[in-house]
Amino acid sequence: MPELILRAVRADDYDGWRPLWDAYNAFYGRSGETALDETTTQATWSRFLDPAEPVHAFVAERERDLLGLAHCVLHASTISTASSCYLQDLYTLQAARGGGVASALIDAVCGFARRAGCARVYWQTHEANAVARRLYDHVAERSGFIVYRRAP
């Protein structure tokens, strides 16, 4: 099998990244009337390419085809002098699932966070996402925290 390459996104990845991004958002119900607006998607893409932004994107590539994406945000913490890394988005193509792409993307983000001096990498998923949760239970510790949110 050809080598899986994990790397930061480049400006010329947009055409391969966009279908992954759209599929990820559709998976979480952000499509049709609830789809992200184009301005948000373009701003997100621009942030990945701006070295002043704390938002970073990685892709998994095999034979020049993008199979998955991972987006993370580095931020300060109140419980450590070291920064934290929030793995905000993780998605792999359906055809690539079960082949180690998602765990390789998690490892790539963890390596990036370690090099950036972060004390931890953390993420969340929907409680109904049983497939992802099986992987996450294998590669990380479940924190036990429940996420709440509200509009400001």
N, C-alpha and C. Protein backbone atom coordinates (compact mmCIF):
# COMPACT_ATOMS: atom_id res chain seq x y z
N MET A 1 0.85 -1.18 0.00
CA MET A 1 0.00 0.00 0.00
C MET A 1 0.89 1.24 0.00
N PRO A 2 0.55 2.24 -0.78
CA PRO A 2 1.34 3.48 -0.81
C PRO A 2 1.36 4.17 0.55
N GLU A 3 2.42 4.92 0.78
CA GLU A 3 2.64 5.60 2.06
C GLU A 3 1.58 6.65 2.35
N LEU A 4 1.18 6.70 3.62
CA LEU A 4 0.28 7.75 4.10
C LEU A 4 1.15 8.91 4.56
N ILE A 5 0.89 10.09 4.03
CA ILE A 5 1.65 11.28 4.38
C ILE A 5 0.77 12.18 5.22
N LEU A 6 1.28 12.61 6.37
CA LEU A 6 0.59 13.54 7.26
C LEU A 6 1.36 14.85 7.19
N ARG A 7 0.65 15.95 6.94
CA ARG A 7 1.33 17.23 6.79
C ARG A 7 0.37 18.37 7.02
N ALA A 8 0.95 19.56 7.21
CA ALA A 8 0.15 20.78 7.31
C ALA A 8 -0.44 21.09 5.94
N VAL A 9 -1.60 21.73 5.94
CA VAL A 9 -2.20 22.12 4.66
C VAL A 9 -1.33 23.18 3.98
N ARG A 10 -1.44 23.20 2.68
CA ARG A 10 -0.79 24.21 1.85
C ARG A 10 -1.88 24.94 1.08
N ALA A 11 -1.55 26.11 0.58
CA ALA A 11 -2.53 26.92 -0.16
C ALA A 11 -3.12 26.16 -1.34
N ASP A 12 -2.34 25.29 -1.96
CA ASP A 12 -2.84 24.56 -3.13
C ASP A 12 -3.67 23.33 -2.76
N ASP A 13 -3.94 23.11 -1.48
CA ASP A 13 -4.78 21.99 -1.03
C ASP A 13 -6.26 22.30 -1.01
N TYR A 14 -6.64 23.54 -1.26
CA TYR A 14 -8.03 23.94 -1.07
C TYR A 14 -9.01 23.01 -1.81
N ASP A 15 -8.75 22.70 -3.06
CA ASP A 15 -9.69 21.88 -3.84
C ASP A 15 -9.85 20.47 -3.28
N GLY A 16 -8.83 19.95 -2.62
CA GLY A 16 -8.94 18.64 -1.98
C GLY A 16 -9.49 18.73 -0.57
N TRP A 17 -9.20 19.84 0.12
CA TRP A 17 -9.67 20.03 1.49
C TRP A 17 -11.17 20.32 1.52
N ARG A 18 -11.66 21.11 0.59
CA ARG A 18 -13.05 21.58 0.63
C ARG A 18 -14.07 20.44 0.65
N PRO A 19 -13.93 19.40 -0.18
CA PRO A 19 -14.92 18.31 -0.08
C PRO A 19 -14.88 17.59 1.27
N LEU A 20 -13.69 17.47 1.86
CA LEU A 20 -13.59 16.88 3.20
C LEU A 20 -14.31 17.75 4.23
N TRP A 21 -14.07 19.06 4.15
CA TRP A 21 -14.70 20.03 5.05
C TRP A 21 -16.22 19.98 4.91
N ASP A 22 -16.70 19.96 3.68
CA ASP A 22 -18.14 19.91 3.45
C ASP A 22 -18.75 18.62 3.98
N ALA A 23 -18.07 17.49 3.78
CA ALA A 23 -18.56 16.20 4.26
C ALA A 23 -18.55 16.16 5.79
N TYR A 24 -17.51 16.70 6.39
CA TYR A 24 -17.44 16.78 7.86
C TYR A 24 -18.62 17.58 8.41
N ASN A 25 -18.86 18.73 7.83
CA ASN A 25 -19.98 19.56 8.29
C ASN A 25 -21.32 18.88 8.07
N ALA A 26 -21.48 18.19 6.94
CA ALA A 26 -22.72 17.46 6.69
C ALA A 26 -22.90 16.34 7.72
N PHE A 27 -21.81 15.66 8.07
CA PHE A 27 -21.87 14.59 9.07
C PHE A 27 -22.45 15.10 10.38
N TYR A 28 -22.09 16.33 10.76
CA TYR A 28 -22.59 16.91 11.99
C TYR A 28 -23.84 17.75 11.79
N GLY A 29 -24.52 17.57 10.66
CA GLY A 29 -25.81 18.20 10.44
C GLY A 29 -25.74 19.65 9.99
N ARG A 30 -24.56 20.10 9.62
CA ARG A 30 -24.42 21.48 9.13
C ARG A 30 -24.45 21.46 7.61
N SER A 31 -25.66 21.29 7.07
CA SER A 31 -25.84 21.28 5.62
C SER A 31 -27.23 21.84 5.32
N GLY A 32 -27.47 22.12 4.05
CA GLY A 32 -28.77 22.69 3.68
C GLY A 32 -28.98 24.02 4.36
N GLU A 33 -30.10 24.16 5.04
CA GLU A 33 -30.43 25.43 5.71
C GLU A 33 -29.51 25.72 6.90
N THR A 34 -28.89 24.69 7.46
CA THR A 34 -28.01 24.89 8.62
C THR A 34 -26.53 24.87 8.23
N ALA A 35 -26.25 24.93 6.94
CA ALA A 35 -24.86 24.90 6.46
C ALA A 35 -24.10 26.15 6.91
N LEU A 36 -22.80 25.98 7.09
CA LEU A 36 -21.96 27.15 7.37
C LEU A 36 -22.01 28.07 6.16
N ASP A 37 -22.00 29.36 6.42
CA ASP A 37 -22.00 30.29 5.30
C ASP A 37 -20.60 30.31 4.67
N GLU A 38 -20.55 30.71 3.44
CA GLU A 38 -19.29 30.72 2.68
C GLU A 38 -18.25 31.64 3.32
N THR A 39 -18.69 32.72 3.93
CA THR A 39 -17.75 33.63 4.59
C THR A 39 -17.01 32.92 5.71
N THR A 40 -17.71 32.10 6.48
CA THR A 40 -17.08 31.36 7.58
C THR A 40 -16.08 30.36 7.04
N THR A 41 -16.46 29.63 6.00
CA THR A 41 -15.54 28.65 5.41
C THR A 41 -14.30 29.34 4.87
N GLN A 42 -14.46 30.44 4.17
CA GLN A 42 -13.30 31.14 3.62
C GLN A 42 -12.42 31.73 4.73
N ALA A 43 -13.02 32.24 5.78
CA ALA A 43 -12.25 32.76 6.91
C ALA A 43 -11.48 31.64 7.59
N THR A 44 -12.11 30.49 7.74
CA THR A 44 -11.45 29.34 8.34
C THR A 44 -10.24 28.94 7.52
N TRP A 45 -10.42 28.81 6.20
CA TRP A 45 -9.31 28.45 5.33
C TRP A 45 -8.18 29.47 5.43
N SER A 46 -8.52 30.74 5.43
CA SER A 46 -7.50 31.80 5.51
C SER A 46 -6.72 31.72 6.81
N ARG A 47 -7.39 31.38 7.89
CA ARG A 47 -6.70 31.27 9.19
C ARG A 47 -5.62 30.20 9.15
N PHE A 48 -5.90 29.08 8.47
CA PHE A 48 -4.90 28.01 8.39
C PHE A 48 -3.60 28.49 7.76
N LEU A 49 -3.70 29.41 6.84
CA LEU A 49 -2.54 29.86 6.07
C LEU A 49 -1.86 31.08 6.68
N ASP A 50 -2.42 31.63 7.74
CA ASP A 50 -1.89 32.83 8.38
C ASP A 50 -1.04 32.43 9.58
N PRO A 51 0.27 32.62 9.53
CA PRO A 51 1.13 32.20 10.64
C PRO A 51 0.84 32.94 11.95
N ALA A 52 0.15 34.05 11.91
CA ALA A 52 -0.20 34.79 13.13
C ALA A 52 -1.41 34.19 13.84
N GLU A 53 -2.14 33.31 13.18
CA GLU A 53 -3.33 32.70 13.76
C GLU A 53 -2.97 31.46 14.59
N PRO A 54 -3.71 31.18 15.66
CA PRO A 54 -3.46 29.98 16.46
C PRO A 54 -4.17 28.74 15.92
N VAL A 55 -4.83 28.86 14.77
CA VAL A 55 -5.61 27.77 14.16
C VAL A 55 -4.73 27.09 13.11
N HIS A 56 -4.68 25.75 13.17
CA HIS A 56 -3.80 24.99 12.27
C HIS A 56 -4.58 23.84 11.65
N ALA A 57 -4.15 23.44 10.47
CA ALA A 57 -4.83 22.34 9.76
C ALA A 57 -3.81 21.35 9.24
N PHE A 58 -4.17 20.08 9.33
CA PHE A 58 -3.34 18.99 8.83
C PHE A 58 -4.19 18.11 7.94
N VAL A 59 -3.54 17.45 7.00
CA VAL A 59 -4.24 16.53 6.12
C VAL A 59 -3.47 15.21 6.06
N ALA A 60 -4.21 14.17 5.74
CA ALA A 60 -3.64 12.86 5.45
C ALA A 60 -3.75 12.68 3.94
N GLU A 61 -2.64 12.33 3.34
CA GLU A 61 -2.57 12.24 1.88
C GLU A 61 -1.97 10.89 1.48
N ARG A 62 -2.55 10.29 0.46
CA ARG A 62 -2.00 9.07 -0.13
C ARG A 62 -2.11 9.21 -1.64
N GLU A 63 -1.00 9.08 -2.31
CA GLU A 63 -0.95 9.21 -3.77
C GLU A 63 -1.63 10.49 -4.26
N ARG A 64 -1.33 11.58 -3.58
CA ARG A 64 -1.83 12.92 -3.91
C ARG A 64 -3.32 13.13 -3.65
N ASP A 65 -3.99 12.14 -3.05
CA ASP A 65 -5.40 12.28 -2.69
C ASP A 65 -5.50 12.56 -1.20
N LEU A 66 -6.28 13.57 -0.83
CA LEU A 66 -6.50 13.87 0.58
C LEU A 66 -7.57 12.94 1.13
N LEU A 67 -7.23 12.22 2.20
CA LEU A 67 -8.13 11.24 2.79
C LEU A 67 -8.76 11.71 4.09
N GLY A 68 -8.18 12.72 4.72
CA GLY A 68 -8.70 13.18 5.99
C GLY A 68 -8.12 14.52 6.38
N LEU A 69 -8.75 15.13 7.37
CA LEU A 69 -8.31 16.44 7.87
C LEU A 69 -8.36 16.46 9.38
N ALA A 70 -7.55 17.32 9.95
CA ALA A 70 -7.58 17.61 11.38
C ALA A 70 -7.28 19.08 11.55
N HIS A 71 -8.10 19.76 12.33
CA HIS A 71 -7.92 21.19 12.62
C HIS A 71 -7.75 21.34 14.13
N CYS A 72 -6.81 22.17 14.52
CA CYS A 72 -6.59 22.37 15.95
C CYS A 72 -6.33 23.84 16.26
N VAL A 73 -6.54 24.18 17.52
CA VAL A 73 -6.35 25.55 18.01
C VAL A 73 -5.44 25.49 19.23
N LEU A 74 -4.37 26.26 19.21
CA LEU A 74 -3.49 26.38 20.37
C LEU A 74 -3.99 27.55 21.22
N HIS A 75 -4.00 27.34 22.54
CA HIS A 75 -4.48 28.43 23.41
C HIS A 75 -3.84 28.34 24.79
N ALA A 76 -3.85 29.47 25.49
CA ALA A 76 -3.36 29.53 26.86
C ALA A 76 -4.32 28.78 27.78
N SER A 77 -3.83 28.51 28.97
CA SER A 77 -4.63 27.77 29.94
C SER A 77 -4.54 28.45 31.30
N THR A 78 -5.58 28.29 32.10
CA THR A 78 -5.55 28.81 33.46
C THR A 78 -4.99 27.79 34.45
N ILE A 79 -4.79 26.54 34.02
CA ILE A 79 -4.32 25.50 34.94
C ILE A 79 -2.89 25.04 34.64
N SER A 80 -2.23 25.72 33.72
CA SER A 80 -0.87 25.36 33.37
C SER A 80 -0.18 26.56 32.73
N THR A 81 1.12 26.66 32.90
CA THR A 81 1.85 27.71 32.20
C THR A 81 2.08 27.32 30.75
N ALA A 82 1.94 26.04 30.45
CA ALA A 82 2.05 25.58 29.06
C ALA A 82 0.71 25.75 28.36
N SER A 83 0.76 25.92 27.05
CA SER A 83 -0.46 26.03 26.25
C SER A 83 -1.16 24.68 26.14
N SER A 84 -2.39 24.72 25.66
CA SER A 84 -3.17 23.52 25.36
C SER A 84 -3.49 23.52 23.87
N CYS A 85 -3.82 22.35 23.38
CA CYS A 85 -4.19 22.19 21.97
C CYS A 85 -5.56 21.55 21.90
N TYR A 86 -6.51 22.26 21.32
CA TYR A 86 -7.86 21.74 21.13
C TYR A 86 -7.98 21.19 19.72
N LEU A 87 -8.16 19.90 19.60
CA LEU A 87 -8.39 19.25 18.32
C LEU A 87 -9.87 19.47 17.99
N GLN A 88 -10.14 20.47 17.17
CA GLN A 88 -11.53 20.90 16.97
C GLN A 88 -12.26 20.05 15.94
N ASP A 89 -11.59 19.69 14.86
CA ASP A 89 -12.23 18.95 13.78
C ASP A 89 -11.35 17.78 13.37
N LEU A 90 -11.97 16.62 13.18
CA LEU A 90 -11.27 15.44 12.68
C LEU A 90 -12.23 14.70 11.77
N TYR A 91 -11.78 14.42 10.55
CA TYR A 91 -12.66 13.74 9.59
C TYR A 91 -11.83 12.93 8.62
N THR A 92 -12.31 11.74 8.29
CA THR A 92 -11.71 10.94 7.23
C THR A 92 -12.80 10.49 6.27
N LEU A 93 -12.40 10.33 5.04
CA LEU A 93 -13.34 9.81 4.04
C LEU A 93 -13.86 8.45 4.48
N GLN A 94 -15.10 8.16 4.17
CA GLN A 94 -15.70 6.88 4.53
C GLN A 94 -14.84 5.72 4.03
N ALA A 95 -14.34 5.81 2.80
CA ALA A 95 -13.54 4.73 2.21
C ALA A 95 -12.21 4.53 2.92
N ALA A 96 -11.74 5.53 3.66
CA ALA A 96 -10.45 5.44 4.34
C ALA A 96 -10.59 5.01 5.80
N ARG A 97 -11.81 4.89 6.29
CA ARG A 97 -12.01 4.56 7.70
C ARG A 97 -11.59 3.12 7.99
N GLY A 98 -11.04 2.95 9.17
CA GLY A 98 -10.56 1.63 9.58
C GLY A 98 -9.15 1.35 9.11
N GLY A 99 -8.55 2.29 8.40
CA GLY A 99 -7.20 2.10 7.87
C GLY A 99 -6.13 2.87 8.61
N GLY A 100 -6.45 3.43 9.77
CA GLY A 100 -5.46 4.12 10.57
C GLY A 100 -5.29 5.59 10.25
N VAL A 101 -6.11 6.13 9.35
CA VAL A 101 -5.96 7.54 8.96
C VAL A 101 -6.29 8.47 10.13
N ALA A 102 -7.40 8.23 10.81
CA ALA A 102 -7.79 9.10 11.92
C ALA A 102 -6.76 9.05 13.05
N SER A 103 -6.30 7.87 13.42
CA SER A 103 -5.31 7.79 14.49
C SER A 103 -4.00 8.44 14.07
N ALA A 104 -3.64 8.34 12.79
CA ALA A 104 -2.43 9.01 12.30
C ALA A 104 -2.59 10.53 12.36
N LEU A 105 -3.78 11.03 12.05
CA LEU A 105 -4.02 12.47 12.16
C LEU A 105 -3.96 12.93 13.62
N ILE A 106 -4.51 12.15 14.52
CA ILE A 106 -4.42 12.49 15.95
C ILE A 106 -2.95 12.52 16.37
N ASP A 107 -2.18 11.53 15.95
CA ASP A 107 -0.76 11.50 16.27
C ASP A 107 -0.03 12.72 15.69
N ALA A 108 -0.41 13.13 14.48
CA ALA A 108 0.22 14.30 13.86
C ALA A 108 -0.07 15.56 14.67
N VAL A 109 -1.32 15.72 15.11
CA VAL A 109 -1.69 16.87 15.93
C VAL A 109 -0.94 16.81 17.26
N CYS A 110 -0.85 15.64 17.86
CA CYS A 110 -0.14 15.51 19.14
C CYS A 110 1.35 15.84 18.98
N GLY A 111 1.95 15.40 17.89
CA GLY A 111 3.34 15.75 17.64
C GLY A 111 3.53 17.24 17.47
N PHE A 112 2.63 17.86 16.73
CA PHE A 112 2.66 19.32 16.54
C PHE A 112 2.52 20.03 17.88
N ALA A 113 1.57 19.58 18.70
CA ALA A 113 1.33 20.20 20.00
C ALA A 113 2.55 20.04 20.91
N ARG A 114 3.16 18.89 20.88
CA ARG A 114 4.36 18.66 21.69
C ARG A 114 5.49 19.61 21.28
N ARG A 115 5.70 19.75 19.97
CA ARG A 115 6.74 20.66 19.46
C ARG A 115 6.41 22.11 19.80
N ALA A 116 5.12 22.44 19.92
CA ALA A 116 4.70 23.80 20.26
C ALA A 116 4.73 24.04 21.77
N GLY A 117 5.08 23.02 22.55
CA GLY A 117 5.18 23.18 23.99
C GLY A 117 3.88 23.02 24.75
N CYS A 118 2.89 22.42 24.13
CA CYS A 118 1.60 22.24 24.79
C CYS A 118 1.67 21.14 25.85
N ALA A 119 0.89 21.31 26.90
CA ALA A 119 0.82 20.33 27.97
C ALA A 119 -0.19 19.22 27.68
N ARG A 120 -1.18 19.52 26.82
CA ARG A 120 -2.20 18.51 26.52
C ARG A 120 -2.88 18.80 25.20
N VAL A 121 -3.44 17.74 24.65
CA VAL A 121 -4.32 17.81 23.49
C VAL A 121 -5.65 17.24 23.95
N TYR A 122 -6.72 17.91 23.62
CA TYR A 122 -8.05 17.42 24.01
C TYR A 122 -9.03 17.65 22.87
N TRP A 123 -10.13 16.90 22.90
CA TRP A 123 -11.16 17.04 21.87
C TRP A 123 -12.47 16.51 22.42
N GLN A 124 -13.51 16.70 21.66
CA GLN A 124 -14.83 16.20 22.01
C GLN A 124 -15.48 15.59 20.77
N THR A 125 -16.47 14.78 20.98
CA THR A 125 -17.27 14.24 19.88
C THR A 125 -18.70 14.08 20.38
N HIS A 126 -19.58 13.88 19.45
CA HIS A 126 -20.98 13.68 19.83
C HIS A 126 -21.11 12.30 20.49
N GLU A 127 -21.95 12.22 21.51
CA GLU A 127 -22.11 10.96 22.22
C GLU A 127 -22.62 9.83 21.32
N ALA A 128 -23.31 10.15 20.24
CA ALA A 128 -23.82 9.14 19.33
C ALA A 128 -22.79 8.66 18.30
N ASN A 129 -21.62 9.29 18.28
CA ASN A 129 -20.59 8.93 17.29
C ASN A 129 -19.80 7.72 17.81
N ALA A 130 -20.44 6.55 17.78
CA ALA A 130 -19.87 5.34 18.38
C ALA A 130 -18.58 4.90 17.70
N VAL A 131 -18.50 5.04 16.39
CA VAL A 131 -17.29 4.61 15.68
C VAL A 131 -16.09 5.44 16.14
N ALA A 132 -16.25 6.75 16.16
CA ALA A 132 -15.15 7.61 16.60
C ALA A 132 -14.83 7.36 18.07
N ARG A 133 -15.82 7.16 18.88
CA ARG A 133 -15.59 6.95 20.31
C ARG A 133 -14.79 5.68 20.58
N ARG A 134 -14.99 4.64 19.76
CA ARG A 134 -14.18 3.43 19.92
C ARG A 134 -12.71 3.75 19.71
N LEU A 135 -12.41 4.52 18.67
CA LEU A 135 -11.02 4.93 18.43
C LEU A 135 -10.52 5.79 19.58
N TYR A 136 -11.27 6.80 19.96
CA TYR A 136 -10.83 7.73 21.00
C TYR A 136 -10.59 7.02 22.33
N ASP A 137 -11.45 6.04 22.67
CA ASP A 137 -11.26 5.27 23.89
C ASP A 137 -9.96 4.48 23.85
N HIS A 138 -9.49 4.17 22.65
CA HIS A 138 -8.26 3.39 22.48
C HIS A 138 -7.01 4.29 22.53
N VAL A 139 -7.10 5.51 22.03
CA VAL A 139 -5.90 6.36 21.88
C VAL A 139 -5.79 7.46 22.94
N ALA A 140 -6.81 7.65 23.77
CA ALA A 140 -6.79 8.75 24.73
C ALA A 140 -7.58 8.39 25.98
N GLU A 141 -7.45 9.22 26.97
CA GLU A 141 -8.19 9.07 28.22
C GLU A 141 -9.47 9.89 28.15
N ARG A 142 -10.57 9.29 28.50
CA ARG A 142 -11.84 10.01 28.54
C ARG A 142 -11.88 10.86 29.81
N SER A 143 -12.10 12.15 29.65
CA SER A 143 -11.98 13.09 30.78
C SER A 143 -13.15 13.03 31.74
N GLY A 144 -14.32 12.61 31.29
CA GLY A 144 -15.49 12.60 32.15
C GLY A 144 -16.25 13.92 32.16
N PHE A 145 -15.69 14.93 31.54
CA PHE A 145 -16.38 16.23 31.52
C PHE A 145 -17.49 16.22 30.47
N ILE A 146 -18.54 16.96 30.75
CA ILE A 146 -19.68 17.13 29.86
C ILE A 146 -19.62 18.57 29.34
N VAL A 147 -19.86 18.74 28.07
CA VAL A 147 -19.76 20.06 27.45
C VAL A 147 -21.13 20.74 27.47
N TYR A 148 -21.15 21.98 27.89
CA TYR A 148 -22.35 22.82 27.82
C TYR A 148 -22.01 24.01 26.94
N ARG A 149 -23.02 24.59 26.33
CA ARG A 149 -22.79 25.80 25.53
C ARG A 149 -24.06 26.62 25.47
N ARG A 150 -23.85 27.91 25.22
CA ARG A 150 -24.96 28.81 25.00
C ARG A 150 -24.44 30.02 24.25
N ALA A 151 -25.33 30.67 23.56
CA ALA A 151 -24.95 31.89 22.84
C ALA A 151 -24.70 33.00 23.87
N PRO A 152 -23.76 33.89 23.58
CA PRO A 152 -23.47 34.97 24.53
C PRO A 152 -24.61 35.98 24.62
